[in-house]
Amino acid sequence: MPRFPFVPGLAALLLTAAPAAAQQVVDPDFRPVVERPAYAVDGPVVVIDGAHHNFHTVDGQYAPFAALLRADGYQVRSGTAPFTVEGLAGVDVLVIANAGMVRPDHVAPIFTEAETAAVEAWVRGGGRLLLIADHAPFGAAAEALAARFGVRMGKGYAFAETPNGVSTNLVYPSGAFDDHPIITGREAGERVESVTAFTGQSLAGPPGATVLLPMAVGAREAPDLPTLQRINDRIEAGEPAGAVIAELSAPALPAQALAFDHGQGRVVVLGEAGMLSAQRARFPDGREVRFGMNVAPGNARFGLNVLHWLTGLLL
């Protein structure tokens, strides 16, 4: 597994990437199509946070997700202000994805105590929240907000052991799912058949939370990218995989996606952001790798069903 600098959302490429930094761009060929939009016009207002040094924003890495939601009839806007209960009035769903990227090489907790209290109070009073925090270091940046809802974050790099080493592409087949409305959908053709996550972190929810994406038996979490690199290097050098993994990583928390009620509101928490985007990673040697909804079509259905549940179309 060659080494290159940390680039958010590219952790899934670590096992195949060239030993040089990649340019990460939105896939221009991704065109979401929704055959039966949930809303013809003037659907619920979805605000995707852009005021907290977010790596994923409406006009940036989450442009594909915004396009998908608009195709389903949602009104998608960018969040441009700190969180207050008053400022969240009129918002149906708040999406926060990978906040805290102060600089390309530095991610830090970014929400004030007043903001985390405001978001919790807003949800408790009927608001709907989709909170997304990716692999390290994004979990640490969102940890205080997640804790307001009883969610623990692994804050590392989730991975699974394979016959050839480790894999950071985590595939969730239909047989792994609980029969939550987000998975089953409203009618035939809306069931989620599979979801692919591109690394990310693991999660643990509050009592009563539904595990939407259960981590596979034996899934592990490395604390940081250099440790994940060492694990792979030592296995490739011939050391016993089980011993190396046990030494340098910890068991993953139970989930990579959670759904639960909070007061009168609803919350979905995802431990990986790339699944709801559509990206291309371009390397100096000319290679290009795609990841997100453009290579895992079940992810788009999952994203739509998450919004349908949050906005009350799925009970």
C-alpha atoms as a PDB file:
ATOM      1  CA  MET A   1       0.000   0.000   0.000  1.00  0.00           C
ATOM      2  CA  PRO A   2       1.908   3.075  -1.176  1.00  0.00           C
ATOM      3  CA  ARG A   3       2.087   6.223   0.908  1.00  0.00           C
ATOM      4  CA  PHE A   4       0.713   9.622  -0.015  1.00  0.00           C
ATOM      5  CA  PRO A   5      -0.575  12.666   1.913  1.00  0.00           C
ATOM      6  CA  PHE A   6      -3.964  12.622   3.619  1.00  0.00           C
ATOM      7  CA  VAL A   7      -6.752  13.605   1.236  1.00  0.00           C
ATOM      8  CA  PRO A   8     -10.302  13.444   2.648  1.00  0.00           C
ATOM      9  CA  GLY A   9     -12.475  10.850   0.988  1.00  0.00           C
ATOM     10  CA  LEU A  10      -9.591   9.025  -0.652  1.00  0.00           C
ATOM     11  CA  ALA A  11      -8.870   6.552   2.110  1.00  0.00           C
ATOM     12  CA  ALA A  12     -10.657   3.817   0.170  1.00  0.00           C
ATOM     13  CA  LEU A  13      -8.010   4.116  -2.520  1.00  0.00           C
ATOM     14  CA  LEU A  14      -5.099   3.557  -0.189  1.00  0.00           C
ATOM     15  CA  LEU A  15      -4.602  -0.046  -1.213  1.00  0.00           C
ATOM     16  CA  THR A  16      -4.342   0.726  -4.922  1.00  0.00           C
ATOM     17  CA  ALA A  17      -3.235   4.338  -5.217  1.00  0.00           C
ATOM     18  CA  ALA A  18      -0.033   5.572  -6.791  1.00  0.00           C
ATOM     19  CA  PRO A  19       2.590   6.954  -4.377  1.00  0.00           C
ATOM     20  CA  ALA A  20       1.665  10.540  -5.105  1.00  0.00           C
ATOM     21  CA  ALA A  21      -1.073  12.953  -4.146  1.00  0.00           C
ATOM     22  CA  ALA A  22      -4.304  12.689  -6.123  1.00  0.00           C
ATOM     23  CA  GLN A  23      -6.582  15.423  -7.343  1.00  0.00           C
ATOM     24  CA  GLN A  24     -10.090  14.777  -6.061  1.00  0.00           C
ATOM     25  CA  VAL A  25     -12.907  16.171  -8.208  1.00  0.00           C
ATOM     26  CA  VAL A  26     -16.634  15.708  -8.617  1.00  0.00           C
ATOM     27  CA  ASP A  27     -17.437  13.207 -11.362  1.00  0.00           C
ATOM     28  CA  PRO A  28     -18.802  15.359 -14.221  1.00  0.00           C
ATOM     29  CA  ASP A  29     -20.497  12.338 -15.802  1.00  0.00           C
ATOM     30  CA  PHE A  30     -22.722  11.628 -12.790  1.00  0.00           C
ATOM     31  CA  ARG A  31     -26.309  12.607 -13.628  1.00  0.00           C
ATOM     32  CA  PRO A  32     -28.806  11.449 -10.989  1.00  0.00           C
ATOM     33  CA  VAL A  33     -32.189  10.366 -12.307  1.00  0.00           C
ATOM     34  CA  VAL A  34     -35.229   9.853 -10.078  1.00  0.00           C
ATOM     35  CA  GLU A  35     -38.005   8.146 -12.020  1.00  0.00           C
ATOM     36  CA  ARG A  36     -40.759   8.951  -9.506  1.00  0.00           C
ATOM     37  CA  PRO A  37     -39.789  12.100  -7.565  1.00  0.00           C
ATOM     38  CA  ALA A  38     -41.155  12.227  -4.047  1.00  0.00           C
ATOM     39  CA  TYR A  39     -42.144  15.865  -4.488  1.00  0.00           C
ATOM     40  CA  ALA A  40     -43.325  17.490  -7.728  1.00  0.00           C
ATOM     41  CA  VAL A  41     -42.528  21.034  -6.583  1.00  0.00           C
ATOM     42  CA  ASP A  42     -41.582  22.881  -3.406  1.00  0.00           C
ATOM     43  CA  GLY A  43     -40.424  19.861  -1.438  1.00  0.00           C
ATOM     44  CA  PRO A  44     -38.945  20.106   2.055  1.00  0.00           C
ATOM     45  CA  VAL A  45     -36.022  22.474   2.586  1.00  0.00           C
ATOM     46  CA  VAL A  46     -32.686  20.700   3.005  1.00  0.00           C
ATOM     47  CA  VAL A  47     -29.768  22.798   4.215  1.00  0.00           C
ATOM     48  CA  ILE A  48     -26.287  21.359   3.699  1.00  0.00           C
ATOM     49  CA  ASP A  49     -23.957  23.053   6.141  1.00  0.00           C
ATOM     50  CA  GLY A  50     -21.193  25.115   4.606  1.00  0.00           C
ATOM     51  CA  ALA A  51     -20.348  27.382   7.530  1.00  0.00           C
ATOM     52  CA  HIS A  52     -18.051  25.123   9.553  1.00  0.00           C
ATOM     53  CA  HIS A  53     -15.064  24.471   7.300  1.00  0.00           C
ATOM     54  CA  ASN A  54     -16.910  21.539   5.733  1.00  0.00           C
ATOM     55  CA  PHE A  55     -15.085  19.395   3.221  1.00  0.00           C
ATOM     56  CA  HIS A  56     -18.414  18.343   1.682  1.00  0.00           C
ATOM     57  CA  THR A  57     -20.587  21.286   0.587  1.00  0.00           C
ATOM     58  CA  VAL A  58     -23.459  22.012  -1.819  1.00  0.00           C
ATOM     59  CA  ASP A  59     -21.202  23.482  -4.470  1.00  0.00           C
ATOM     60  CA  GLY A  60     -18.253  21.190  -3.796  1.00  0.00           C
ATOM     61  CA  GLN A  61     -17.890  17.506  -2.975  1.00  0.00           C
ATOM     62  CA  TYR A  62     -21.608  17.155  -2.172  1.00  0.00           C
ATOM     63  CA  ALA A  63     -22.840  18.699  -5.412  1.00  0.00           C
ATOM     64  CA  PRO A  64     -23.823  15.169  -6.599  1.00  0.00           C
ATOM     65  CA  PHE A  65     -25.861  14.572  -3.425  1.00  0.00           C
ATOM     66  CA  ALA A  66     -27.524  17.980  -3.789  1.00  0.00           C
ATOM     67  CA  ALA A  67     -28.360  17.135  -7.415  1.00  0.00           C
ATOM     68  CA  LEU A  68     -29.887  13.809  -6.361  1.00  0.00           C
ATOM     69  CA  LEU A  69     -32.093  15.488  -3.760  1.00  0.00           C
ATOM     70  CA  ARG A  70     -33.183  18.209  -6.177  1.00  0.00           C
ATOM     71  CA  ALA A  71     -34.128  15.531  -8.695  1.00  0.00           C
ATOM     72  CA  ASP A  72     -36.375  14.093  -5.974  1.00  0.00           C
ATOM     73  CA  GLY A  73     -38.069  17.468  -5.476  1.00  0.00           C
ATOM     74  CA  TYR A  74     -36.245  18.759  -2.404  1.00  0.00           C
ATOM     75  CA  GLN A  75     -35.234  22.390  -2.080  1.00  0.00           C
ATOM     76  CA  VAL A  76     -31.503  22.275  -1.349  1.00  0.00           C
ATOM     77  CA  ARG A  77     -29.646  25.260   0.049  1.00  0.00           C
ATOM     78  CA  SER A  78     -26.241  25.982   1.500  1.00  0.00           C
ATOM     79  CA  GLY A  79     -25.919  26.772   5.197  1.00  0.00           C
ATOM     80  CA  THR A  80     -23.905  29.933   5.707  1.00  0.00           C
ATOM     81  CA  ALA A  81     -24.325  30.839   9.385  1.00  0.00           C
ATOM     82  CA  PRO A  82     -23.593  29.436  12.852  1.00  0.00           C
ATOM     83  CA  PHE A  83     -26.307  27.204  14.280  1.00  0.00           C
ATOM     84  CA  THR A  84     -29.022  28.786  16.389  1.00  0.00           C
ATOM     85  CA  VAL A  85     -32.562  27.596  17.096  1.00  0.00           C
ATOM     86  CA  GLU A  86     -33.871  30.735  15.426  1.00  0.00           C
ATOM     87  CA  GLY A  87     -31.607  30.296  12.412  1.00  0.00           C
ATOM     88  CA  LEU A  88     -32.817  26.736  11.912  1.00  0.00           C
ATOM     89  CA  ALA A  89     -36.453  27.824  11.734  1.00  0.00           C
ATOM     90  CA  GLY A  90     -37.828  26.943   8.328  1.00  0.00           C
ATOM     91  CA  VAL A  91     -35.246  24.189   7.792  1.00  0.00           C
ATOM     92  CA  ASP A  92     -36.751  20.719   7.376  1.00  0.00           C
ATOM     93  CA  VAL A  93     -33.487  18.730   7.252  1.00  0.00           C
ATOM     94  CA  LEU A  94     -30.029  19.867   8.312  1.00  0.00           C
ATOM     95  CA  VAL A  95     -27.120  17.986   6.714  1.00  0.00           C
ATOM     96  CA  ILE A  96     -23.672  18.337   8.290  1.00  0.00           C
ATOM     97  CA  ALA A  97     -20.894  16.525   6.432  1.00  0.00           C
ATOM     98  CA  ASN A  98     -17.215  16.444   7.391  1.00  0.00           C
ATOM     99  CA  ALA A  99     -17.033  19.717   9.276  1.00  0.00           C
ATOM    100  CA  GLY A 100     -13.893  21.136  10.833  1.00  0.00           C
ATOM    101  CA  MET A 101     -11.356  21.116   7.991  1.00  0.00           C
ATOM    102  CA  VAL A 102      -9.599  24.336   8.998  1.00  0.00           C
ATOM    103  CA  ARG A 103      -6.720  23.658   6.592  1.00  0.00           C
ATOM    104  CA  PRO A 104      -6.013  20.789   4.200  1.00  0.00           C
ATOM    105  CA  ASP A 105      -3.671  19.340   6.805  1.00  0.00           C
ATOM    106  CA  HIS A 106      -5.623  20.240   9.934  1.00  0.00           C
ATOM    107  CA  VAL A 107      -9.083  19.210  11.131  1.00  0.00           C
ATOM    108  CA  ALA A 108     -10.311  20.482  14.496  1.00  0.00           C
ATOM    109  CA  PRO A 109     -13.500  20.579  16.606  1.00  0.00           C
ATOM    110  CA  ILE A 110     -15.402  23.494  15.149  1.00  0.00           C
ATOM    111  CA  PHE A 111     -18.857  23.616  16.789  1.00  0.00           C
ATOM    112  CA  THR A 112     -19.272  25.818  19.842  1.00  0.00           C
ATOM    113  CA  GLU A 113     -21.120  24.496  22.876  1.00  0.00           C
ATOM    114  CA  ALA A 114     -23.929  26.925  22.103  1.00  0.00           C
ATOM    115  CA  GLU A 115     -24.221  25.505  18.574  1.00  0.00           C
ATOM    116  CA  THR A 116     -24.340  21.870  19.665  1.00  0.00           C
ATOM    117  CA  ALA A 117     -26.994  22.799  22.245  1.00  0.00           C
ATOM    118  CA  ALA A 118     -29.006  24.661  19.600  1.00  0.00           C
ATOM    119  CA  VAL A 119     -28.937  21.739  17.147  1.00  0.00           C
ATOM    120  CA  GLU A 120     -29.972  19.289  19.875  1.00  0.00           C
ATOM    121  CA  ALA A 121     -32.836  21.529  21.010  1.00  0.00           C
ATOM    122  CA  TRP A 122     -33.965  22.037  17.412  1.00  0.00           C
ATOM    123  CA  VAL A 123     -34.058  18.277  16.765  1.00  0.00           C
ATOM    124  CA  ARG A 124     -35.756  17.572  20.070  1.00  0.00           C
ATOM    125  CA  GLY A 125     -38.456  20.040  19.046  1.00  0.00           C
ATOM    126  CA  GLY A 126     -39.055  18.334  15.693  1.00  0.00           C
ATOM    127  CA  GLY A 127     -36.023  19.037  13.516  1.00  0.00           C
ATOM    128  CA  ARG A 128     -34.385  16.417  11.312  1.00  0.00           C
ATOM    129  CA  LEU A 129     -30.607  15.922  11.256  1.00  0.00           C
ATOM    130  CA  LEU A 130     -28.285  13.993   8.953  1.00  0.00           C
ATOM    131  CA  LEU A 131     -24.844  14.066  10.591  1.00  0.00           C
ATOM    132  CA  ILE A 132     -21.922  12.641   8.616  1.00  0.00           C
ATOM    133  CA  ALA A 133     -18.356  12.312   9.906  1.00  0.00           C
ATOM    134  CA  ASP A 134     -15.758  10.370   7.963  1.00  0.00           C
ATOM    135  CA  HIS A 135     -12.541   8.578   8.902  1.00  0.00           C
ATOM    136  CA  ALA A 136      -9.951  10.278  11.111  1.00  0.00           C
ATOM    137  CA  PRO A 137      -9.703  13.102  11.859  1.00  0.00           C
ATOM    138  CA  PHE A 138     -13.322  14.063  11.080  1.00  0.00           C
ATOM    139  CA  GLY A 139     -14.821  11.981  13.893  1.00  0.00           C
ATOM    140  CA  ALA A 140     -12.958  14.022  16.472  1.00  0.00           C
ATOM    141  CA  ALA A 141     -14.225  17.243  14.917  1.00  0.00           C
ATOM    142  CA  ALA A 142     -17.875  16.138  15.207  1.00  0.00           C
ATOM    143  CA  GLU A 143     -17.575  14.194  18.463  1.00  0.00           C
ATOM    144  CA  ALA A 144     -19.103  16.843  20.740  1.00  0.00           C
ATOM    145  CA  LEU A 145     -22.144  17.268  18.510  1.00  0.00           C
ATOM    146  CA  ALA A 146     -22.635  13.508  18.199  1.00  0.00           C
ATOM    147  CA  ALA A 147     -22.418  13.148  21.972  1.00  0.00           C
ATOM    148  CA  ARG A 148     -25.456  15.433  22.349  1.00  0.00           C
ATOM    149  CA  PHE A 149     -27.433  12.601  20.751  1.00  0.00           C
ATOM    150  CA  GLY A 150     -25.753   9.741  22.588  1.00  0.00           C
ATOM    151  CA  VAL A 151     -23.615   8.695  19.606  1.00  0.00           C
ATOM    152  CA  ARG A 152     -20.025   7.503  20.034  1.00  0.00           C
ATOM    153  CA  MET A 153     -17.565   7.712  17.180  1.00  0.00           C
ATOM    154  CA  GLY A 154     -14.655   5.381  16.538  1.00  0.00           C
ATOM    155  CA  LYS A 155     -12.606   8.314  15.169  1.00  0.00           C
ATOM    156  CA  GLY A 156     -10.246   6.083  13.182  1.00  0.00           C
ATOM    157  CA  TYR A 157     -10.069   4.221   9.876  1.00  0.00           C
ATOM    158  CA  ALA A 158     -12.467   1.292   9.596  1.00  0.00           C
ATOM    159  CA  PHE A 159     -11.280  -1.735   7.632  1.00  0.00           C
ATOM    160  CA  ALA A 160     -11.834  -5.437   7.149  1.00  0.00           C
ATOM    161  CA  GLU A 161      -9.328  -8.262   6.880  1.00  0.00           C
ATOM    162  CA  THR A 162      -9.134 -10.002   3.501  1.00  0.00           C
ATOM    163  CA  PRO A 163      -7.167 -13.038   2.282  1.00  0.00           C
ATOM    164  CA  ASN A 164      -4.577 -10.647   0.832  1.00  0.00           C
ATOM    165  CA  GLY A 165      -4.350  -8.155   3.686  1.00  0.00           C
ATOM    166  CA  VAL A 166      -6.886  -5.455   4.507  1.00  0.00           C
ATOM    167  CA  SER A 167      -9.623  -3.662   2.592  1.00  0.00           C
ATOM    168  CA  THR A 168     -11.034  -0.202   3.228  1.00  0.00           C
ATOM    169  CA  ASN A 169     -13.961  -0.658   0.830  1.00  0.00           C
ATOM    170  CA  LEU A 170     -16.811  -1.851   3.050  1.00  0.00           C
ATOM    171  CA  VAL A 171     -19.708  -3.453   1.177  1.00  0.00           C
ATOM    172  CA  TYR A 172     -23.043  -4.004   2.913  1.00  0.00           C
ATOM    173  CA  PRO A 173     -25.172  -6.590   1.070  1.00  0.00           C
ATOM    174  CA  SER A 174     -28.936  -6.718   1.457  1.00  0.00           C
ATOM    175  CA  GLY A 175     -28.733  -9.699   3.805  1.00  0.00           C
ATOM    176  CA  ALA A 176     -26.943  -7.585   6.390  1.00  0.00           C
ATOM    177  CA  PHE A 177     -29.760  -5.065   6.781  1.00  0.00           C
ATOM    178  CA  ASP A 178     -32.409  -4.687   9.434  1.00  0.00           C
ATOM    179  CA  ASP A 179     -35.958  -4.148   8.165  1.00  0.00           C
ATOM    180  CA  HIS A 180     -35.996  -0.452   8.930  1.00  0.00           C
ATOM    181  CA  PRO A 181     -38.141   1.732   6.609  1.00  0.00           C
ATOM    182  CA  ILE A 182     -34.937   3.325   5.265  1.00  0.00           C
ATOM    183  CA  ILE A 183     -33.962  -0.099   3.964  1.00  0.00           C
ATOM    184  CA  THR A 184     -37.353  -1.360   2.821  1.00  0.00           C
ATOM    185  CA  GLY A 185     -38.607   1.882   1.218  1.00  0.00           C
ATOM    186  CA  ARG A 186     -42.212   2.758   0.483  1.00  0.00           C
ATOM    187  CA  GLU A 187     -42.962   0.312  -2.321  1.00  0.00           C
ATOM    188  CA  ALA A 188     -41.441  -2.240  -4.681  1.00  0.00           C
ATOM    189  CA  GLY A 189     -38.277  -0.978  -6.275  1.00  0.00           C
ATOM    190  CA  GLU A 190     -37.327   1.256  -3.381  1.00  0.00           C
ATOM    191  CA  ARG A 191     -35.650  -1.355  -1.217  1.00  0.00           C
ATOM    192  CA  VAL A 192     -31.933  -0.801  -0.628  1.00  0.00           C
ATOM    193  CA  GLU A 193     -30.130  -3.794  -2.079  1.00  0.00           C
ATOM    194  CA  SER A 194     -26.567  -2.839  -1.214  1.00  0.00           C
ATOM    195  CA  VAL A 195     -24.469   0.030   0.104  1.00  0.00           C
ATOM    196  CA  THR A 196     -20.739   0.575  -0.315  1.00  0.00           C
ATOM    197  CA  ALA A 197     -18.743   2.721   2.100  1.00  0.00           C
ATOM    198  CA  PHE A 198     -15.278   3.946   1.242  1.00  0.00           C
ATOM    199  CA  THR A 199     -13.450   3.532   4.551  1.00  0.00           C
ATOM    200  CA  GLY A 200     -14.944   5.923   7.134  1.00  0.00           C
ATOM    201  CA  GLN A 201     -15.240   5.271  10.850  1.00  0.00           C
ATOM    202  CA  SER A 202     -17.464   3.093  13.027  1.00  0.00           C
ATOM    203  CA  LEU A 203     -20.280   4.270  15.301  1.00  0.00           C
ATOM    204  CA  ALA A 204     -22.270   3.270  18.377  1.00  0.00           C
ATOM    205  CA  GLY A 205     -25.740   4.680  18.963  1.00  0.00           C
ATOM    206  CA  PRO A 206     -27.950   5.520  21.918  1.00  0.00           C
ATOM    207  CA  PRO A 207     -30.395   2.950  23.340  1.00  0.00           C
ATOM    208  CA  GLY A 208     -33.110   2.180  20.815  1.00  0.00           C
ATOM    209  CA  ALA A 209     -31.143   3.304  17.768  1.00  0.00           C
ATOM    210  CA  THR A 210     -31.432   1.150  14.651  1.00  0.00           C
ATOM    211  CA  VAL A 211     -28.188  -0.025  13.091  1.00  0.00           C
ATOM    212  CA  LEU A 212     -28.703   0.606   9.382  1.00  0.00           C
ATOM    213  CA  LEU A 213     -25.248  -0.543   8.277  1.00  0.00           C
ATOM    214  CA  PRO A 214     -23.842  -3.135  10.698  1.00  0.00           C
ATOM    215  CA  MET A 215     -20.080  -3.527  10.716  1.00  0.00           C
ATOM    216  CA  ALA A 216     -19.065  -7.007   9.600  1.00  0.00           C
ATOM    217  CA  VAL A 217     -17.980  -9.549  12.187  1.00  0.00           C
ATOM    218  CA  GLY A 218     -14.289  -9.014  12.785  1.00  0.00           C
ATOM    219  CA  ALA A 219     -14.193  -5.476  11.375  1.00  0.00           C
ATOM    220  CA  ARG A 220     -11.438  -3.360  12.904  1.00  0.00           C
ATOM    221  CA  GLU A 221     -10.470   0.280  13.216  1.00  0.00           C
ATOM    222  CA  ALA A 222      -6.978   1.742  12.994  1.00  0.00           C
ATOM    223  CA  PRO A 223      -6.443   4.974  14.924  1.00  0.00           C
ATOM    224  CA  ASP A 224      -4.859   6.867  12.038  1.00  0.00           C
ATOM    225  CA  LEU A 225      -3.596   6.617   8.473  1.00  0.00           C
ATOM    226  CA  PRO A 226       0.055   5.814   9.294  1.00  0.00           C
ATOM    227  CA  THR A 227      -1.075   2.896  11.465  1.00  0.00           C
ATOM    228  CA  LEU A 228      -3.292   1.578   8.698  1.00  0.00           C
ATOM    229  CA  GLN A 229      -0.301   1.830   6.399  1.00  0.00           C
ATOM    230  CA  ARG A 230       1.892  -0.128   8.819  1.00  0.00           C
ATOM    231  CA  ILE A 231      -0.710  -2.860   9.134  1.00  0.00           C
ATOM    232  CA  ASN A 232      -0.808  -3.366   5.401  1.00  0.00           C
ATOM    233  CA  ASP A 233       2.974  -3.135   4.982  1.00  0.00           C
ATOM    234  CA  ARG A 234       3.680  -5.725   7.653  1.00  0.00           C
ATOM    235  CA  ILE A 235       1.098  -8.141   6.252  1.00  0.00           C
ATOM    236  CA  GLU A 236       2.583  -7.705   2.771  1.00  0.00           C
ATOM    237  CA  ALA A 237       6.009  -8.427   4.271  1.00  0.00           C
ATOM    238  CA  GLY A 238       4.747 -11.818   5.423  1.00  0.00           C
ATOM    239  CA  GLU A 239       3.820 -11.272   9.074  1.00  0.00           C
ATOM    240  CA  PRO A 240       0.694 -13.104  10.312  1.00  0.00           C
ATOM    241  CA  ALA A 241      -2.269 -10.878   9.527  1.00  0.00           C
ATOM    242  CA  GLY A 242      -4.213 -11.722  12.674  1.00  0.00           C
ATOM    243  CA  ALA A 243      -1.347 -10.839  14.994  1.00  0.00           C
ATOM    244  CA  VAL A 244      -0.547  -7.575  13.219  1.00  0.00           C
ATOM    245  CA  ILE A 245      -4.165  -6.466  13.143  1.00  0.00           C
ATOM    246  CA  ALA A 246      -4.692  -7.327  16.817  1.00  0.00           C
ATOM    247  CA  GLU A 247      -1.572  -5.370  17.782  1.00  0.00           C
ATOM    248  CA  LEU A 248      -2.246  -2.188  15.835  1.00  0.00           C
ATOM    249  CA  SER A 249      -6.030  -1.824  15.735  1.00  0.00           C
ATOM    250  CA  ALA A 250      -9.143  -2.189  17.872  1.00  0.00           C
ATOM    251  CA  PRO A 251     -12.500  -3.838  17.256  1.00  0.00           C
ATOM    252  CA  ALA A 252     -14.807  -1.559  15.304  1.00  0.00           C
ATOM    253  CA  LEU A 253     -17.928  -0.170  16.952  1.00  0.00           C
ATOM    254  CA  PRO A 254     -21.177  -1.879  15.847  1.00  0.00           C
ATOM    255  CA  ALA A 255     -22.336   0.373  13.026  1.00  0.00           C
ATOM    256  CA  GLN A 256     -21.478   2.643  10.162  1.00  0.00           C
ATOM    257  CA  ALA A 257     -24.977   4.128   9.938  1.00  0.00           C
ATOM    258  CA  LEU A 258     -27.590   4.750  12.624  1.00  0.00           C
ATOM    259  CA  ALA A 259     -31.188   6.000  12.709  1.00  0.00           C
ATOM    260  CA  PHE A 260     -33.199   7.016  15.758  1.00  0.00           C
ATOM    261  CA  ASP A 261     -35.854   9.346  17.106  1.00  0.00           C
ATOM    262  CA  HIS A 262     -34.782  12.176  19.374  1.00  0.00           C
ATOM    263  CA  GLY A 263     -37.650  13.882  21.140  1.00  0.00           C
ATOM    264  CA  GLN A 264     -40.044  14.916  18.394  1.00  0.00           C
ATOM    265  CA  GLY A 265     -37.296  14.836  15.753  1.00  0.00           C
ATOM    266  CA  ARG A 266     -35.256  12.285  13.862  1.00  0.00           C
ATOM    267  CA  VAL A 267     -31.540  11.687  13.410  1.00  0.00           C
ATOM    268  CA  VAL A 268     -29.432   9.676  10.966  1.00  0.00           C
ATOM    269  CA  VAL A 269     -25.679   9.459  11.550  1.00  0.00           C
ATOM    270  CA  LEU A 270     -23.267   8.134   8.916  1.00  0.00           C
ATOM    271  CA  GLY A 271     -19.640   7.227   9.524  1.00  0.00           C
ATOM    272  CA  GLU A 272     -18.619   7.772   5.896  1.00  0.00           C
ATOM    273  CA  ALA A 273     -19.270  10.665   3.503  1.00  0.00           C
ATOM    274  CA  GLY A 274     -18.068   9.440   0.106  1.00  0.00           C
ATOM    275  CA  MET A 275     -20.960   6.997  -0.244  1.00  0.00           C
ATOM    276  CA  LEU A 276     -23.320   9.914  -0.979  1.00  0.00           C
ATOM    277  CA  SER A 277     -21.034  11.724  -3.372  1.00  0.00           C
ATOM    278  CA  ALA A 278     -19.658  10.852  -6.822  1.00  0.00           C
ATOM    279  CA  GLN A 279     -15.941  11.492  -7.105  1.00  0.00           C
ATOM    280  CA  ARG A 280     -12.954  10.954  -9.343  1.00  0.00           C
ATOM    281  CA  ALA A 281      -9.411  10.754  -8.040  1.00  0.00           C
ATOM    282  CA  ARG A 282      -6.855  11.672 -10.666  1.00  0.00           C
ATOM    283  CA  PHE A 283      -3.215  10.740 -10.203  1.00  0.00           C
ATOM    284  CA  PRO A 284      -0.117  12.307 -11.779  1.00  0.00           C
ATOM    285  CA  ASP A 285       0.582   9.086 -13.676  1.00  0.00           C
ATOM    286  CA  GLY A 286      -2.713   9.495 -15.559  1.00  0.00           C
ATOM    287  CA  ARG A 287      -4.754   6.894 -13.682  1.00  0.00           C
ATOM    288  CA  GLU A 288      -8.221   7.775 -12.501  1.00  0.00           C
ATOM    289  CA  VAL A 289     -10.329   6.040  -9.866  1.00  0.00           C
ATOM    290  CA  ARG A 290     -14.026   6.686  -9.221  1.00  0.00           C
ATOM    291  CA  PHE A 291     -15.867   6.266  -5.937  1.00  0.00           C
ATOM    292  CA  GLY A 292     -19.315   7.057  -4.566  1.00  0.00           C
ATOM    293  CA  MET A 293     -22.766   6.834  -6.130  1.00  0.00           C
ATOM    294  CA  ASN A 294     -21.161   6.643  -9.582  1.00  0.00           C
ATOM    295  CA  VAL A 295     -19.796   3.150  -8.853  1.00  0.00           C
ATOM    296  CA  ALA A 296     -22.245   1.978  -6.162  1.00  0.00           C
ATOM    297  CA  PRO A 297     -25.767   2.671  -7.473  1.00  0.00           C
ATOM    298  CA  GLY A 298     -27.400   1.289  -4.323  1.00  0.00           C
ATOM    299  CA  ASN A 299     -25.963   4.262  -2.450  1.00  0.00           C
ATOM    300  CA  ALA A 300     -28.276   6.706  -4.242  1.00  0.00           C
ATOM    301  CA  ARG A 301     -31.335   4.697  -3.195  1.00  0.00           C
ATOM    302  CA  PHE A 302     -29.996   4.630   0.348  1.00  0.00           C
ATOM    303  CA  GLY A 303     -29.519   8.413   0.327  1.00  0.00           C
ATOM    304  CA  LEU A 304     -33.033   9.032  -0.951  1.00  0.00           C
ATOM    305  CA  ASN A 305     -34.558   6.672   1.604  1.00  0.00           C
ATOM    306  CA  VAL A 306     -32.654   8.411   4.408  1.00  0.00           C
ATOM    307  CA  LEU A 307     -34.197  11.724   3.370  1.00  0.00           C
ATOM    308  CA  HIS A 308     -37.633  10.131   2.946  1.00  0.00           C
ATOM    309  CA  TRP A 309     -37.491   8.798   6.492  1.00  0.00           C
ATOM    310  CA  LEU A 310     -36.235  12.067   7.909  1.00  0.00           C
ATOM    311  CA  THR A 311     -39.016  14.016   6.205  1.00  0.00           C
ATOM    312  CA  GLY A 312     -41.742  11.568   7.234  1.00  0.00           C
ATOM    313  CA  LEU A 313     -42.464   9.849   3.915  1.00  0.00           C
ATOM    314  CA  LEU A 314     -41.258   6.617   5.501  1.00  0.00           C
ATOM    315  CA  LEU A 315     -42.697   5.832   8.889  1.00  0.00           C
END
